[in-house]
């Protein structure tokens, strides 16, 4: 079995034109284009949301580490110099 060439694609396109008509094929193409556009937009928004979540987690971690460092500093008694 061979691959689909230009003549076969032309026959398929003509059959689709006869079955659906020019207006319907235009509507199908428009719908496919909008679907692809929405899909790409959704992927972009998902990536943006992931980036925001990662930045928020990093900020939370740094705030927690700063707070724990402050608590440790307060909890440690200051050492007085020893007299000789």
Protein backbone atom coordinates (compact mmCIF):
# COMPACT_ATOMS: atom_id res chain seq x y z
CA UNK A 1 0.00 0.00 0.00
CA UNK A 2 1.30 3.37 -0.98
CA UNK A 3 0.96 6.71 0.71
CA UNK A 4 -1.72 9.23 -0.12
CA UNK A 5 -0.54 11.52 -2.91
CA UNK A 6 -1.82 14.74 -4.45
CA UNK A 7 -4.38 13.08 -6.79
CA UNK A 8 -5.94 11.14 -3.91
CA UNK A 9 -6.17 14.26 -1.76
CA UNK A 10 -7.82 16.12 -4.64
CA UNK A 11 -10.45 13.39 -4.99
CA UNK A 12 -11.13 13.45 -1.23
CA UNK A 13 -11.47 17.25 -1.29
CA UNK A 14 -13.92 17.11 -4.22
CA UNK A 15 -16.02 14.45 -2.46
CA UNK A 16 -16.12 16.55 0.70
CA UNK A 17 -17.19 19.57 -1.34
CA UNK A 18 -19.99 17.59 -2.97
CA UNK A 19 -21.19 16.09 0.32
CA UNK A 20 -21.08 19.16 2.54
CA UNK A 21 -21.16 22.12 0.16
CA UNK A 22 -18.88 25.16 0.15
CA UNK A 23 -20.64 26.97 3.02
CA UNK A 24 -20.58 24.00 5.34
CA UNK A 25 -16.89 23.31 4.67
CA UNK A 26 -16.12 26.95 5.51
CA UNK A 27 -18.00 26.55 8.80
CA UNK A 28 -16.12 23.37 9.59
CA UNK A 29 -12.78 25.09 8.89
CA UNK A 30 -13.77 28.05 11.05
CA UNK A 31 -14.75 25.75 13.90
CA UNK A 32 -11.49 23.84 13.67
CA UNK A 33 -9.51 27.07 13.68
CA UNK A 34 -11.32 28.36 16.75
CA UNK A 35 -10.82 25.04 18.50
CA UNK A 36 -7.08 25.11 17.87
CA UNK A 37 -6.89 28.73 19.01
CA UNK A 38 -8.75 27.95 22.25
CA UNK A 39 -6.56 24.91 22.87
CA UNK A 40 -3.35 26.94 22.51
CA UNK A 41 -4.77 29.68 24.73
CA UNK A 42 -5.67 27.10 27.38
CA UNK A 43 -2.15 25.67 27.32
CA UNK A 44 -0.67 29.14 27.69
CA UNK A 45 -2.96 29.98 30.62
CA UNK A 46 -2.15 26.68 32.32
CA UNK A 47 1.57 27.39 32.01
CA UNK A 48 1.09 30.91 33.37
CA UNK A 49 -0.88 29.55 36.34
CA UNK A 50 1.84 27.00 37.05
CA UNK A 51 4.49 29.71 36.99
CA UNK A 52 2.47 31.87 39.40
CA UNK A 53 1.99 28.90 41.74
CA UNK A 54 5.72 28.13 41.73
CA UNK A 55 6.60 31.76 42.50
CA UNK A 56 4.07 31.86 45.35
CA UNK A 57 5.47 28.63 46.83
CA UNK A 58 9.02 30.00 46.67
CA UNK A 59 7.93 33.22 48.36
CA UNK A 60 6.15 31.25 51.11
CA UNK A 61 9.21 29.09 51.68
CA UNK A 62 11.51 32.10 51.94
CA UNK A 63 9.13 33.83 54.39
CA UNK A 64 8.95 30.70 56.54
CA UNK A 65 12.72 30.31 56.57
CA UNK A 66 13.15 33.98 57.56
CA UNK A 67 10.66 33.57 60.40
CA UNK A 68 12.32 30.41 61.65
CA UNK A 69 15.72 32.12 61.57
CA UNK A 70 14.35 35.00 63.64
CA UNK A 71 12.82 32.58 66.15
CA UNK A 72 16.11 30.70 66.46
CA UNK A 73 17.99 33.94 67.01
CA UNK A 74 15.60 34.97 69.78
CA UNK A 75 15.68 31.53 71.40
CA UNK A 76 19.48 31.35 71.65
CA UNK A 77 20.78 33.04 74.80
CA UNK A 78 23.48 35.55 74.20
CA UNK A 79 26.84 34.33 75.40
CA UNK A 80 28.61 36.60 77.80
CA UNK A 81 32.37 36.91 77.54
CA UNK A 82 34.18 34.80 80.11
CA UNK A 83 36.43 36.57 82.53
CA UNK A 84 39.88 35.16 82.89
